[in-house]
Amino acid sequence: MKWIAVFFCSLIVAAAVAAQETPPAASSAPVAPVAQDWVAQSMQRHTWELGFVAGGGTGLGKSDGTQFAFGGGRGGWILTGNHLPGILRGNFEWAVDVLPLYAVLPPASGVYGASIRPAIWQWNFTSWQKYAPYVAIVGGTVFTTSNVPPGNTAAVNFTEGLAFGSYMFVKPRRAFSAEATFGHLSNASIGRHNPGYNATFIFTVGYSWFKGGH
């Protein structure tokens, strides 16, 4: 009887060893892909934004016969990390637009020049993975070859406005942008007359690269 007991003990030990060596069965359920948070990868504190912008728009109200067109480059620097909870979470960016091509097209004839917007104070909302909406206060100066509006006004005018837009990331650190700005253009009374354009609507598109950051 002893050899029968030894035989059964051997079978139990062999079964236990085989159970430990058998690999677990592969799960038939598909593995969900890991989401790619391109916004978090791209828009960090001390990140530089470099890009191209172009756009155009129109005066509103009494100025609806005047159109605007422009093109140039944008540079920005994200000054902070993320703050605020939920969908308000985001960071603060300072950006500058340099627009060597700027046209004011009133009904009579076009006036050409250049513009710089050194004060773009922008809050980027960073709760999403591939989209980063933003809101910005924009201030700048327009230099033209003739007075704007036509008449005894000035060839230097100032712009300010409120912009609403969004970055749409196509890969990490690469994004298209679209922006709508409601603004104002006038010479701040440095000319004899200052009729200005009390209300303007400008639409801007762009493409940006994001460099550095930590």
N, C-alpha and C. Protein backbone atom coordinates (compact mmCIF):
# COMPACT_ATOMS: atom_id res chain seq x y z
N MET A 1 0.82 -1.21 0.00
CA MET A 1 0.00 0.00 0.00
C MET A 1 0.86 1.27 0.00
N LYS A 2 2.12 1.10 0.54
CA LYS A 2 2.96 2.29 0.62
C LYS A 2 3.23 2.87 -0.76
N TRP A 3 3.48 2.00 -1.76
CA TRP A 3 3.82 2.53 -3.10
C TRP A 3 2.63 3.23 -3.74
N ILE A 4 1.39 2.79 -3.37
CA ILE A 4 0.20 3.48 -3.90
C ILE A 4 0.13 4.91 -3.35
N ALA A 5 0.41 5.05 -2.05
CA ALA A 5 0.40 6.38 -1.43
C ALA A 5 1.46 7.28 -2.05
N VAL A 6 2.68 6.68 -2.28
CA VAL A 6 3.75 7.46 -2.92
C VAL A 6 3.35 7.88 -4.32
N PHE A 7 2.67 7.00 -5.07
CA PHE A 7 2.25 7.32 -6.43
C PHE A 7 1.27 8.50 -6.46
N PHE A 8 0.26 8.45 -5.56
CA PHE A 8 -0.73 9.53 -5.52
C PHE A 8 -0.09 10.86 -5.06
N CYS A 9 0.83 10.76 -4.12
CA CYS A 9 1.54 11.99 -3.70
C CYS A 9 2.33 12.59 -4.85
N SER A 10 2.95 11.74 -5.66
CA SER A 10 3.71 12.22 -6.82
C SER A 10 2.79 12.91 -7.83
N LEU A 11 1.61 12.33 -8.05
CA LEU A 11 0.66 12.94 -8.98
C LEU A 11 0.21 14.32 -8.50
N ILE A 12 -0.03 14.44 -7.18
CA ILE A 12 -0.47 15.74 -6.63
C ILE A 12 0.62 16.79 -6.79
N VAL A 13 1.88 16.40 -6.49
CA VAL A 13 3.00 17.34 -6.63
C VAL A 13 3.17 17.76 -8.08
N ALA A 14 3.11 16.80 -9.03
CA ALA A 14 3.27 17.12 -10.45
C ALA A 14 2.17 18.05 -10.94
N ALA A 15 0.93 17.82 -10.48
CA ALA A 15 -0.18 18.69 -10.89
C ALA A 15 0.02 20.11 -10.37
N ALA A 16 0.52 20.21 -9.14
CA ALA A 16 0.75 21.56 -8.57
C ALA A 16 1.82 22.30 -9.34
N VAL A 17 2.92 21.59 -9.70
CA VAL A 17 4.00 22.22 -10.45
C VAL A 17 3.51 22.64 -11.83
N ALA A 18 2.72 21.80 -12.50
CA ALA A 18 2.19 22.14 -13.82
C ALA A 18 1.27 23.35 -13.77
N ALA A 19 0.48 23.44 -12.71
CA ALA A 19 -0.43 24.60 -12.57
C ALA A 19 0.35 25.89 -12.42
N GLN A 20 1.50 25.83 -11.72
CA GLN A 20 2.30 27.05 -11.54
C GLN A 20 2.99 27.46 -12.83
N GLU A 21 3.36 26.48 -13.67
CA GLU A 21 4.09 26.80 -14.89
C GLU A 21 3.18 27.16 -16.05
N THR A 22 1.89 26.85 -15.99
CA THR A 22 0.98 27.14 -17.09
C THR A 22 0.70 28.64 -17.17
N PRO A 23 0.96 29.32 -18.29
CA PRO A 23 0.73 30.77 -18.38
C PRO A 23 -0.75 31.06 -18.35
N PRO A 24 -1.15 32.19 -17.79
CA PRO A 24 -2.57 32.55 -17.74
C PRO A 24 -3.11 32.73 -19.15
N ALA A 25 -4.37 32.36 -19.31
CA ALA A 25 -5.02 32.49 -20.62
C ALA A 25 -5.13 33.96 -21.00
N ALA A 26 -4.88 34.23 -22.27
CA ALA A 26 -4.97 35.61 -22.75
C ALA A 26 -6.42 36.08 -22.71
N SER A 27 -6.60 37.30 -22.26
CA SER A 27 -7.95 37.87 -22.20
C SER A 27 -8.46 38.16 -23.60
N SER A 28 -9.71 37.78 -23.82
CA SER A 28 -10.31 38.04 -25.13
C SER A 28 -10.81 39.46 -25.28
N ALA A 29 -10.89 40.20 -24.14
CA ALA A 29 -11.39 41.57 -24.21
C ALA A 29 -10.32 42.48 -24.80
N PRO A 30 -10.69 43.38 -25.72
CA PRO A 30 -9.70 44.29 -26.31
C PRO A 30 -9.19 45.28 -25.28
N VAL A 31 -7.92 45.64 -25.42
CA VAL A 31 -7.29 46.59 -24.52
C VAL A 31 -7.52 48.00 -25.05
N ALA A 32 -8.08 48.85 -24.21
CA ALA A 32 -8.36 50.22 -24.64
C ALA A 32 -7.06 50.98 -24.84
N PRO A 33 -6.93 51.75 -25.93
CA PRO A 33 -5.71 52.53 -26.15
C PRO A 33 -5.55 53.62 -25.11
N VAL A 34 -4.32 53.90 -24.76
CA VAL A 34 -4.04 54.96 -23.79
C VAL A 34 -4.24 56.32 -24.46
N ALA A 35 -5.04 57.16 -23.83
CA ALA A 35 -5.32 58.48 -24.40
C ALA A 35 -4.04 59.31 -24.42
N GLN A 36 -3.87 60.10 -25.47
CA GLN A 36 -2.69 60.94 -25.62
C GLN A 36 -3.06 62.38 -25.27
N ASP A 37 -2.51 62.87 -24.18
CA ASP A 37 -2.81 64.21 -23.72
C ASP A 37 -1.80 65.17 -24.35
N TRP A 38 -2.09 65.59 -25.59
CA TRP A 38 -1.16 66.46 -26.31
C TRP A 38 -1.12 67.86 -25.72
N VAL A 39 -2.21 68.30 -25.11
CA VAL A 39 -2.20 69.62 -24.48
C VAL A 39 -1.21 69.64 -23.31
N ALA A 40 -1.28 68.60 -22.46
CA ALA A 40 -0.36 68.54 -21.31
C ALA A 40 1.08 68.43 -21.75
N GLN A 41 1.33 67.71 -22.85
CA GLN A 41 2.70 67.57 -23.35
C GLN A 41 3.23 68.87 -23.95
N SER A 42 2.34 69.70 -24.46
CA SER A 42 2.75 70.86 -25.26
C SER A 42 2.72 72.17 -24.50
N MET A 43 1.77 72.34 -23.59
CA MET A 43 1.54 73.65 -22.97
C MET A 43 1.92 73.60 -21.50
N GLN A 44 3.22 73.60 -21.25
CA GLN A 44 3.74 73.58 -19.90
C GLN A 44 4.34 74.95 -19.55
N ARG A 45 4.62 75.12 -18.29
CA ARG A 45 5.26 76.36 -17.84
C ARG A 45 6.58 76.58 -18.57
N HIS A 46 6.81 77.82 -19.00
CA HIS A 46 8.03 78.25 -19.70
C HIS A 46 8.16 77.63 -21.09
N THR A 47 7.03 77.24 -21.68
CA THR A 47 7.02 76.81 -23.07
C THR A 47 6.95 78.03 -23.99
N TRP A 48 7.73 77.97 -25.07
CA TRP A 48 7.66 79.01 -26.10
C TRP A 48 6.69 78.59 -27.19
N GLU A 49 5.88 79.55 -27.65
CA GLU A 49 5.01 79.33 -28.81
C GLU A 49 5.54 80.17 -29.97
N LEU A 50 5.75 79.55 -31.12
CA LEU A 50 6.18 80.24 -32.33
C LEU A 50 5.23 79.83 -33.45
N GLY A 51 4.71 80.82 -34.21
CA GLY A 51 3.75 80.45 -35.23
C GLY A 51 3.51 81.53 -36.26
N PHE A 52 2.63 81.19 -37.21
CA PHE A 52 2.19 82.10 -38.25
C PHE A 52 0.71 82.38 -38.06
N VAL A 53 0.29 83.62 -38.34
CA VAL A 53 -1.12 83.98 -38.24
C VAL A 53 -1.52 84.80 -39.46
N ALA A 54 -2.77 84.71 -39.82
CA ALA A 54 -3.34 85.51 -40.91
C ALA A 54 -4.83 85.66 -40.65
N GLY A 55 -5.38 86.75 -41.13
CA GLY A 55 -6.81 86.93 -40.89
C GLY A 55 -7.36 88.18 -41.55
N GLY A 56 -8.57 88.46 -41.20
CA GLY A 56 -9.26 89.62 -41.75
C GLY A 56 -10.57 89.83 -41.03
N GLY A 57 -11.22 90.93 -41.35
CA GLY A 57 -12.49 91.20 -40.69
C GLY A 57 -13.14 92.45 -41.23
N THR A 58 -14.05 92.99 -40.46
CA THR A 58 -14.84 94.12 -40.92
C THR A 58 -15.18 95.04 -39.76
N GLY A 59 -15.46 96.29 -40.10
CA GLY A 59 -16.02 97.19 -39.12
C GLY A 59 -17.47 96.84 -38.87
N LEU A 60 -17.98 97.24 -37.73
CA LEU A 60 -19.38 96.98 -37.38
C LEU A 60 -20.12 98.30 -37.23
N GLY A 61 -21.42 98.24 -37.41
CA GLY A 61 -22.22 99.44 -37.26
C GLY A 61 -21.94 100.45 -38.36
N LYS A 62 -21.62 101.69 -37.98
CA LYS A 62 -21.33 102.74 -38.96
C LYS A 62 -20.06 102.46 -39.75
N SER A 63 -19.23 101.55 -39.30
CA SER A 63 -17.97 101.24 -39.98
C SER A 63 -18.04 99.97 -40.82
N ASP A 64 -19.26 99.51 -41.13
CA ASP A 64 -19.37 98.21 -41.80
C ASP A 64 -18.91 98.23 -43.25
N GLY A 65 -18.55 99.40 -43.79
CA GLY A 65 -18.01 99.47 -45.15
C GLY A 65 -16.50 99.31 -45.20
N THR A 66 -15.85 99.10 -44.06
CA THR A 66 -14.39 98.98 -44.01
C THR A 66 -14.00 97.56 -43.66
N GLN A 67 -13.03 97.03 -44.40
CA GLN A 67 -12.51 95.68 -44.12
C GLN A 67 -11.03 95.77 -43.73
N PHE A 68 -10.56 94.73 -43.08
CA PHE A 68 -9.18 94.63 -42.62
C PHE A 68 -8.61 93.28 -43.04
N ALA A 69 -7.31 93.27 -43.36
CA ALA A 69 -6.62 92.02 -43.68
C ALA A 69 -5.18 92.13 -43.18
N PHE A 70 -4.60 91.01 -42.75
CA PHE A 70 -3.25 91.06 -42.18
C PHE A 70 -2.62 89.67 -42.21
N GLY A 71 -1.30 89.65 -42.03
CA GLY A 71 -0.56 88.40 -41.93
C GLY A 71 0.78 88.63 -41.27
N GLY A 72 1.29 87.62 -40.58
CA GLY A 72 2.58 87.76 -39.91
C GLY A 72 2.87 86.59 -38.99
N GLY A 73 3.60 86.88 -37.92
CA GLY A 73 4.04 85.84 -37.00
C GLY A 73 3.63 86.11 -35.58
N ARG A 74 3.65 85.05 -34.79
CA ARG A 74 3.30 85.15 -33.37
C ARG A 74 4.37 84.46 -32.54
N GLY A 75 4.71 85.10 -31.41
CA GLY A 75 5.58 84.50 -30.42
C GLY A 75 4.95 84.62 -29.06
N GLY A 76 4.99 83.55 -28.28
CA GLY A 76 4.40 83.59 -26.95
C GLY A 76 5.24 82.82 -25.95
N TRP A 77 5.00 83.09 -24.68
CA TRP A 77 5.70 82.41 -23.59
C TRP A 77 4.70 82.11 -22.50
N ILE A 78 4.55 80.84 -22.15
CA ILE A 78 3.64 80.44 -21.08
C ILE A 78 4.34 80.69 -19.75
N LEU A 79 3.78 81.61 -18.98
CA LEU A 79 4.46 82.10 -17.78
C LEU A 79 4.21 81.24 -16.55
N THR A 80 3.10 80.52 -16.49
CA THR A 80 2.73 79.81 -15.27
C THR A 80 2.43 78.34 -15.56
N GLY A 81 2.36 77.57 -14.48
CA GLY A 81 1.80 76.23 -14.56
C GLY A 81 0.29 76.31 -14.52
N ASN A 82 -0.36 75.17 -14.40
CA ASN A 82 -1.82 75.13 -14.39
C ASN A 82 -2.37 75.53 -13.03
N HIS A 83 -3.47 76.29 -13.07
CA HIS A 83 -4.17 76.73 -11.87
C HIS A 83 -5.68 76.60 -12.09
N LEU A 84 -6.44 76.67 -11.02
CA LEU A 84 -7.91 76.60 -10.98
C LEU A 84 -8.39 75.16 -11.22
N PRO A 85 -9.60 74.85 -10.71
CA PRO A 85 -10.11 73.48 -10.81
C PRO A 85 -10.99 73.28 -12.04
N GLY A 86 -11.22 71.99 -12.37
CA GLY A 86 -12.19 71.62 -13.39
C GLY A 86 -11.90 72.22 -14.75
N ILE A 87 -12.98 72.63 -15.43
CA ILE A 87 -12.83 73.14 -16.79
C ILE A 87 -12.17 74.52 -16.82
N LEU A 88 -12.05 75.17 -15.67
CA LEU A 88 -11.36 76.46 -15.61
C LEU A 88 -9.85 76.30 -15.52
N ARG A 89 -9.38 75.07 -15.33
CA ARG A 89 -7.94 74.86 -15.19
C ARG A 89 -7.20 75.36 -16.41
N GLY A 90 -6.08 76.04 -16.18
CA GLY A 90 -5.33 76.55 -17.31
C GLY A 90 -4.07 77.28 -16.87
N ASN A 91 -3.42 77.92 -17.85
CA ASN A 91 -2.20 78.66 -17.57
C ASN A 91 -2.22 79.99 -18.30
N PHE A 92 -1.32 80.86 -17.88
CA PHE A 92 -1.29 82.24 -18.39
C PHE A 92 -0.13 82.40 -19.36
N GLU A 93 -0.43 82.99 -20.52
CA GLU A 93 0.56 83.18 -21.58
C GLU A 93 0.62 84.64 -21.99
N TRP A 94 1.81 85.10 -22.25
CA TRP A 94 2.02 86.42 -22.84
C TRP A 94 2.50 86.21 -24.27
N ALA A 95 1.80 86.81 -25.23
CA ALA A 95 2.15 86.63 -26.64
C ALA A 95 2.26 87.98 -27.33
N VAL A 96 2.98 87.97 -28.46
CA VAL A 96 3.18 89.17 -29.28
C VAL A 96 2.96 88.78 -30.73
N ASP A 97 2.15 89.57 -31.45
CA ASP A 97 1.97 89.41 -32.89
C ASP A 97 2.75 90.49 -33.62
N VAL A 98 3.53 90.10 -34.62
CA VAL A 98 4.22 91.04 -35.51
C VAL A 98 3.64 90.85 -36.90
N LEU A 99 2.98 91.89 -37.43
CA LEU A 99 2.23 91.77 -38.68
C LEU A 99 2.78 92.75 -39.71
N PRO A 100 3.75 92.32 -40.51
CA PRO A 100 4.31 93.23 -41.52
C PRO A 100 3.34 93.52 -42.66
N LEU A 101 2.30 92.75 -42.78
CA LEU A 101 1.28 92.96 -43.80
C LEU A 101 -0.03 93.33 -43.11
N TYR A 102 -0.47 94.57 -43.34
CA TYR A 102 -1.72 95.03 -42.72
C TYR A 102 -2.40 95.98 -43.70
N ALA A 103 -3.65 95.73 -43.96
CA ALA A 103 -4.40 96.54 -44.93
C ALA A 103 -5.73 96.97 -44.33
N VAL A 104 -6.04 98.25 -44.53
CA VAL A 104 -7.35 98.80 -44.20
C VAL A 104 -8.01 99.16 -45.52
N LEU A 105 -9.16 98.57 -45.77
CA LEU A 105 -9.79 98.70 -47.09
C LEU A 105 -11.13 99.40 -46.98
N PRO A 106 -11.11 100.74 -46.95
CA PRO A 106 -12.37 101.49 -46.95
C PRO A 106 -12.97 101.48 -48.35
N PRO A 107 -14.21 101.95 -48.51
CA PRO A 107 -14.84 101.91 -49.83
C PRO A 107 -14.07 102.64 -50.92
N ALA A 108 -13.39 103.72 -50.60
CA ALA A 108 -12.73 104.52 -51.65
C ALA A 108 -11.46 103.85 -52.13
N SER A 109 -10.49 103.61 -51.26
CA SER A 109 -9.21 103.03 -51.66
C SER A 109 -8.55 102.38 -50.46
N GLY A 110 -7.65 101.42 -50.73
CA GLY A 110 -6.99 100.71 -49.65
C GLY A 110 -5.83 101.49 -49.07
N VAL A 111 -5.57 101.29 -47.79
CA VAL A 111 -4.44 101.88 -47.10
C VAL A 111 -3.64 100.72 -46.51
N TYR A 112 -2.30 100.78 -46.68
CA TYR A 112 -1.47 99.63 -46.31
C TYR A 112 -0.45 100.04 -45.25
N GLY A 113 0.02 99.06 -44.52
CA GLY A 113 0.99 99.34 -43.47
C GLY A 113 1.39 98.09 -42.74
N ALA A 114 1.65 98.23 -41.43
CA ALA A 114 2.08 97.11 -40.59
C ALA A 114 1.51 97.33 -39.19
N SER A 115 1.57 96.26 -38.39
CA SER A 115 1.02 96.35 -37.04
C SER A 115 1.86 95.49 -36.10
N ILE A 116 1.86 95.87 -34.85
CA ILE A 116 2.44 95.05 -33.79
C ILE A 116 1.46 95.02 -32.63
N ARG A 117 1.30 93.83 -32.06
CA ARG A 117 0.44 93.66 -30.88
C ARG A 117 1.31 93.13 -29.75
N PRO A 118 1.90 94.01 -28.96
CA PRO A 118 2.83 93.55 -27.93
C PRO A 118 2.16 93.10 -26.64
N ALA A 119 0.88 93.34 -26.51
CA ALA A 119 0.19 93.01 -25.27
C ALA A 119 -0.96 92.05 -25.57
N ILE A 120 -0.65 90.75 -25.63
CA ILE A 120 -1.68 89.72 -25.73
C ILE A 120 -1.59 88.92 -24.44
N TRP A 121 -2.56 89.16 -23.55
CA TRP A 121 -2.57 88.50 -22.25
C TRP A 121 -3.62 87.40 -22.31
N GLN A 122 -3.18 86.16 -22.31
CA GLN A 122 -4.01 85.03 -22.72
C GLN A 122 -4.09 83.95 -21.63
N TRP A 123 -5.32 83.49 -21.37
CA TRP A 123 -5.54 82.36 -20.47
C TRP A 123 -5.88 81.14 -21.31
N ASN A 124 -5.03 80.10 -21.25
CA ASN A 124 -5.24 78.86 -21.98
C ASN A 124 -5.95 77.85 -21.08
N PHE A 125 -7.08 77.33 -21.52
CA PHE A 125 -7.79 76.30 -20.77
C PHE A 125 -7.23 74.94 -21.16
N THR A 126 -6.73 74.17 -20.19
CA THR A 126 -5.95 72.97 -20.48
C THR A 126 -6.60 71.68 -19.97
N SER A 127 -7.91 71.67 -19.77
CA SER A 127 -8.57 70.47 -19.24
C SER A 127 -8.77 69.39 -20.29
N TRP A 128 -8.66 69.72 -21.56
CA TRP A 128 -8.88 68.76 -22.63
C TRP A 128 -7.55 68.22 -23.14
N GLN A 129 -7.61 67.16 -23.93
CA GLN A 129 -6.38 66.48 -24.35
C GLN A 129 -5.85 66.96 -25.70
N LYS A 130 -6.72 67.36 -26.62
CA LYS A 130 -6.27 67.78 -27.94
C LYS A 130 -6.77 69.16 -28.33
N TYR A 131 -7.57 69.79 -27.48
CA TYR A 131 -8.07 71.14 -27.73
C TYR A 131 -7.75 72.01 -26.52
N ALA A 132 -7.33 73.23 -26.78
CA ALA A 132 -7.04 74.18 -25.71
C ALA A 132 -7.71 75.51 -26.03
N PRO A 133 -8.97 75.69 -25.62
CA PRO A 133 -9.61 76.99 -25.82
C PRO A 133 -8.87 78.07 -25.03
N TYR A 134 -9.07 79.31 -25.44
CA TYR A 134 -8.43 80.41 -24.71
C TYR A 134 -9.24 81.68 -24.86
N VAL A 135 -8.99 82.59 -23.94
CA VAL A 135 -9.54 83.94 -24.00
C VAL A 135 -8.39 84.91 -23.75
N ALA A 136 -8.39 86.04 -24.47
CA ALA A 136 -7.24 86.95 -24.38
C ALA A 136 -7.69 88.40 -24.48
N ILE A 137 -6.97 89.26 -23.80
CA ILE A 137 -7.07 90.71 -23.98
C ILE A 137 -5.93 91.12 -24.91
N VAL A 138 -6.26 91.85 -25.97
CA VAL A 138 -5.28 92.15 -27.03
C VAL A 138 -5.13 93.66 -27.17
N GLY A 139 -3.89 94.13 -27.21
CA GLY A 139 -3.62 95.55 -27.44
C GLY A 139 -2.46 95.73 -28.39
N GLY A 140 -2.57 96.69 -29.33
CA GLY A 140 -1.49 96.89 -30.29
C GLY A 140 -1.56 98.23 -30.98
N THR A 141 -0.70 98.39 -31.99
CA THR A 141 -0.58 99.65 -32.75
C THR A 141 -0.53 99.31 -34.23
N VAL A 142 -1.19 100.15 -35.04
CA VAL A 142 -1.20 100.00 -36.50
C VAL A 142 -0.53 101.23 -37.12
N PHE A 143 0.44 101.00 -38.00
CA PHE A 143 1.14 102.06 -38.72
C PHE A 143 0.77 101.94 -40.20
N THR A 144 0.27 103.01 -40.79
CA THR A 144 -0.17 102.97 -42.19
C THR A 144 0.47 104.08 -43.01
N THR A 145 0.48 103.88 -44.32
CA THR A 145 1.10 104.86 -45.22
C THR A 145 0.25 106.12 -45.39
N SER A 146 -1.03 106.05 -45.04
CA SER A 146 -1.94 107.21 -45.12
C SER A 146 -2.81 107.22 -43.87
N ASN A 147 -3.48 108.33 -43.67
CA ASN A 147 -4.32 108.45 -42.49
C ASN A 147 -5.47 107.45 -42.52
N VAL A 148 -5.80 106.93 -41.36
CA VAL A 148 -6.91 106.00 -41.18
C VAL A 148 -7.73 106.45 -39.98
N PRO A 149 -9.06 106.61 -40.19
CA PRO A 149 -9.80 106.65 -41.45
C PRO A 149 -9.32 107.81 -42.33
N PRO A 150 -9.67 107.80 -43.62
CA PRO A 150 -9.23 108.89 -44.50
C PRO A 150 -9.68 110.25 -43.96
N GLY A 151 -8.85 111.26 -44.20
CA GLY A 151 -9.17 112.62 -43.73
C GLY A 151 -8.08 113.15 -42.83
N ASN A 152 -8.42 114.15 -42.06
CA ASN A 152 -7.46 114.80 -41.17
C ASN A 152 -7.42 114.05 -39.84
N THR A 153 -6.90 112.82 -39.92
CA THR A 153 -6.89 111.94 -38.74
C THR A 153 -5.43 111.64 -38.37
N ALA A 154 -4.98 110.38 -38.50
CA ALA A 154 -3.61 110.02 -38.17
C ALA A 154 -3.22 108.73 -38.87
N ALA A 155 -1.91 108.59 -39.12
CA ALA A 155 -1.39 107.36 -39.73
C ALA A 155 -0.95 106.35 -38.69
N VAL A 156 -1.11 106.68 -37.42
CA VAL A 156 -0.83 105.75 -36.32
C VAL A 156 -2.12 105.57 -35.52
N ASN A 157 -2.54 104.33 -35.37
CA ASN A 157 -3.76 104.03 -34.62
C ASN A 157 -3.49 102.92 -33.62
N PHE A 158 -4.37 102.82 -32.65
CA PHE A 158 -4.21 101.85 -31.58
C PHE A 158 -5.41 100.90 -31.57
N THR A 159 -5.13 99.65 -31.27
CA THR A 159 -6.18 98.65 -31.26
C THR A 159 -6.26 97.99 -29.88
N GLU A 160 -7.45 97.67 -29.49
CA GLU A 160 -7.65 96.86 -28.30
C GLU A 160 -8.88 95.99 -28.53
N GLY A 161 -8.90 94.84 -27.90
CA GLY A 161 -10.02 93.95 -28.12
C GLY A 161 -10.01 92.76 -27.18
N LEU A 162 -11.07 91.97 -27.29
CA LEU A 162 -11.23 90.75 -26.52
C LEU A 162 -11.33 89.59 -27.51
N ALA A 163 -10.45 88.60 -27.35
CA ALA A 163 -10.36 87.49 -28.30
C ALA A 163 -10.82 86.19 -27.65
N PHE A 164 -11.49 85.36 -28.46
CA PHE A 164 -11.91 84.02 -28.05
C PHE A 164 -11.42 83.05 -29.12
N GLY A 165 -10.71 82.01 -28.71
CA GLY A 165 -10.17 81.10 -29.72
C GLY A 165 -9.89 79.73 -29.14
N SER A 166 -9.26 78.88 -29.96
CA SER A 166 -8.88 77.55 -29.51
C SER A 166 -7.72 77.03 -30.34
N TYR A 167 -6.81 76.32 -29.68
CA TYR A 167 -5.80 75.52 -30.37
C TYR A 167 -6.39 74.13 -30.63
N MET A 168 -6.06 73.57 -31.79
CA MET A 168 -6.49 72.22 -32.16
C MET A 168 -5.24 71.43 -32.51
N PHE A 169 -4.77 70.59 -31.59
CA PHE A 169 -3.50 69.89 -31.76
C PHE A 169 -3.63 68.75 -32.76
N VAL A 170 -2.71 68.71 -33.70
CA VAL A 170 -2.67 67.63 -34.70
C VAL A 170 -1.61 66.60 -34.34
N LYS A 171 -0.71 66.94 -33.44
CA LYS A 171 0.30 66.05 -32.88
C LYS A 171 0.90 66.79 -31.69
N PRO A 172 1.70 66.11 -30.85
CA PRO A 172 2.29 66.84 -29.73
C PRO A 172 3.11 68.04 -30.21
N ARG A 173 2.84 69.19 -29.60
CA ARG A 173 3.57 70.44 -29.85
C ARG A 173 3.31 71.04 -31.23
N ARG A 174 2.25 70.63 -31.89
CA ARG A 174 1.86 71.20 -33.19
C ARG A 174 0.36 71.44 -33.16
N ALA A 175 -0.07 72.68 -33.47
CA ALA A 175 -1.49 72.96 -33.37
C ALA A 175 -1.92 74.04 -34.37
N PHE A 176 -3.10 73.84 -34.93
CA PHE A 176 -3.79 74.91 -35.64
C PHE A 176 -4.53 75.75 -34.61
N SER A 177 -4.86 77.00 -34.97
CA SER A 177 -5.65 77.85 -34.08
C SER A 177 -6.68 78.63 -34.89
N ALA A 178 -7.78 78.94 -34.25
CA ALA A 178 -8.82 79.79 -34.83
C ALA A 178 -9.30 80.73 -33.74
N GLU A 179 -9.50 82.00 -34.11
CA GLU A 179 -9.76 83.03 -33.10
C GLU A 179 -10.69 84.09 -33.65
N ALA A 180 -11.62 84.55 -32.83
CA ALA A 180 -12.50 85.67 -33.15
C ALA A 180 -12.24 86.79 -32.14
N THR A 181 -12.05 88.02 -32.66
CA THR A 181 -11.74 89.17 -31.81
C THR A 181 -12.74 90.28 -32.04
N PHE A 182 -13.32 90.78 -30.96
CA PHE A 182 -14.17 91.96 -31.01
C PHE A 182 -13.34 93.12 -30.48
N GLY A 183 -13.15 94.16 -31.33
CA GLY A 183 -12.21 95.19 -30.94
C GLY A 183 -12.61 96.59 -31.33
N HIS A 184 -11.62 97.46 -31.25
CA HIS A 184 -11.78 98.91 -31.49
C HIS A 184 -10.47 99.42 -32.06
N LEU A 185 -10.56 100.38 -32.98
CA LEU A 185 -9.37 101.00 -33.57
C LEU A 185 -9.57 102.51 -33.60
N SER A 186 -8.61 103.26 -33.04
CA SER A 186 -8.67 104.72 -33.10
C SER A 186 -7.27 105.28 -32.86
N ASN A 187 -7.13 106.61 -33.09
CA ASN A 187 -5.80 107.21 -32.94
C ASN A 187 -5.58 107.84 -31.56
N ALA A 188 -6.50 107.61 -30.62
CA ALA A 188 -6.35 108.12 -29.24
C ALA A 188 -6.14 109.63 -29.21
N SER A 189 -6.70 110.30 -30.21
CA SER A 189 -6.67 111.78 -30.30
C SER A 189 -5.28 112.34 -30.55
N ILE A 190 -4.36 111.56 -31.14
CA ILE A 190 -3.08 112.14 -31.53
C ILE A 190 -3.23 112.87 -32.87
N GLY A 191 -4.31 112.61 -33.59
CA GLY A 191 -4.63 113.37 -34.80
C GLY A 191 -5.65 114.46 -34.49
N ARG A 192 -5.86 115.34 -35.46
CA ARG A 192 -6.80 116.44 -35.24
C ARG A 192 -8.22 115.91 -35.05
N HIS A 193 -8.55 114.87 -35.79
CA HIS A 193 -9.87 114.24 -35.65
C HIS A 193 -9.66 112.77 -35.29
N ASN A 194 -10.61 112.23 -34.54
CA ASN A 194 -10.48 110.85 -34.09
C ASN A 194 -11.82 110.11 -34.22
N PRO A 195 -12.28 109.91 -35.46
CA PRO A 195 -13.54 109.17 -35.61
C PRO A 195 -13.38 107.69 -35.29
N GLY A 196 -12.24 107.12 -35.68
CA GLY A 196 -11.94 105.72 -35.38
C GLY A 196 -12.95 104.74 -35.94
N TYR A 197 -12.76 103.50 -35.55
CA TYR A 197 -13.72 102.42 -35.83
C TYR A 197 -14.12 101.87 -34.46
N ASN A 198 -15.30 102.27 -34.02
CA ASN A 198 -15.70 101.97 -32.65
C ASN A 198 -15.86 100.47 -32.39
N ALA A 199 -16.20 99.71 -33.43
CA ALA A 199 -16.38 98.27 -33.23
C ALA A 199 -15.90 97.53 -34.47
N THR A 200 -15.08 96.51 -34.25
CA THR A 200 -14.58 95.68 -35.35
C THR A 200 -14.72 94.21 -34.98
N PHE A 201 -14.83 93.39 -36.01
CA PHE A 201 -14.83 91.94 -35.82
C PHE A 201 -13.73 91.36 -36.70
N ILE A 202 -12.79 90.65 -36.07
CA ILE A 202 -11.63 90.10 -36.77
C ILE A 202 -11.58 88.59 -36.55
N PHE A 203 -11.34 87.84 -37.62
CA PHE A 203 -11.17 86.39 -37.51
C PHE A 203 -9.75 86.03 -37.92
N THR A 204 -9.07 85.24 -37.10
CA THR A 204 -7.66 84.90 -37.31
C THR A 204 -7.47 83.39 -37.28
N VAL A 205 -6.65 82.88 -38.19
CA VAL A 205 -6.24 81.47 -38.16
C VAL A 205 -4.72 81.42 -38.07
N GLY A 206 -4.20 80.31 -37.55
CA GLY A 206 -2.76 80.21 -37.40
C GLY A 206 -2.29 78.78 -37.24
N TYR A 207 -0.97 78.64 -37.20
CA TYR A 207 -0.34 77.33 -36.95
C TYR A 207 0.85 77.60 -36.03
N SER A 208 0.94 76.82 -34.94
CA SER A 208 1.95 77.09 -33.93
C SER A 208 2.77 75.85 -33.58
N TRP A 209 4.04 76.11 -33.22
CA TRP A 209 4.94 75.11 -32.67
C TRP A 209 5.19 75.49 -31.21
N PHE A 210 5.26 74.50 -30.34
CA PHE A 210 5.52 74.75 -28.91
C PHE A 210 6.86 74.11 -28.55
N LYS A 211 7.76 74.92 -28.00
CA LYS A 211 9.13 74.49 -27.73
C LYS A 211 9.46 74.63 -26.24
N GLY A 212 10.23 73.67 -25.72
CA GLY A 212 10.72 73.77 -24.36
C GLY A 212 9.64 73.52 -23.34
N GLY A 213 9.80 74.12 -22.18
CA GLY A 213 8.83 73.97 -21.10
C GLY A 213 9.25 72.92 -20.09
N HIS A 214 8.69 73.04 -18.88
CA HIS A 214 8.93 72.03 -17.83
C HIS A 214 7.83 72.14 -16.80
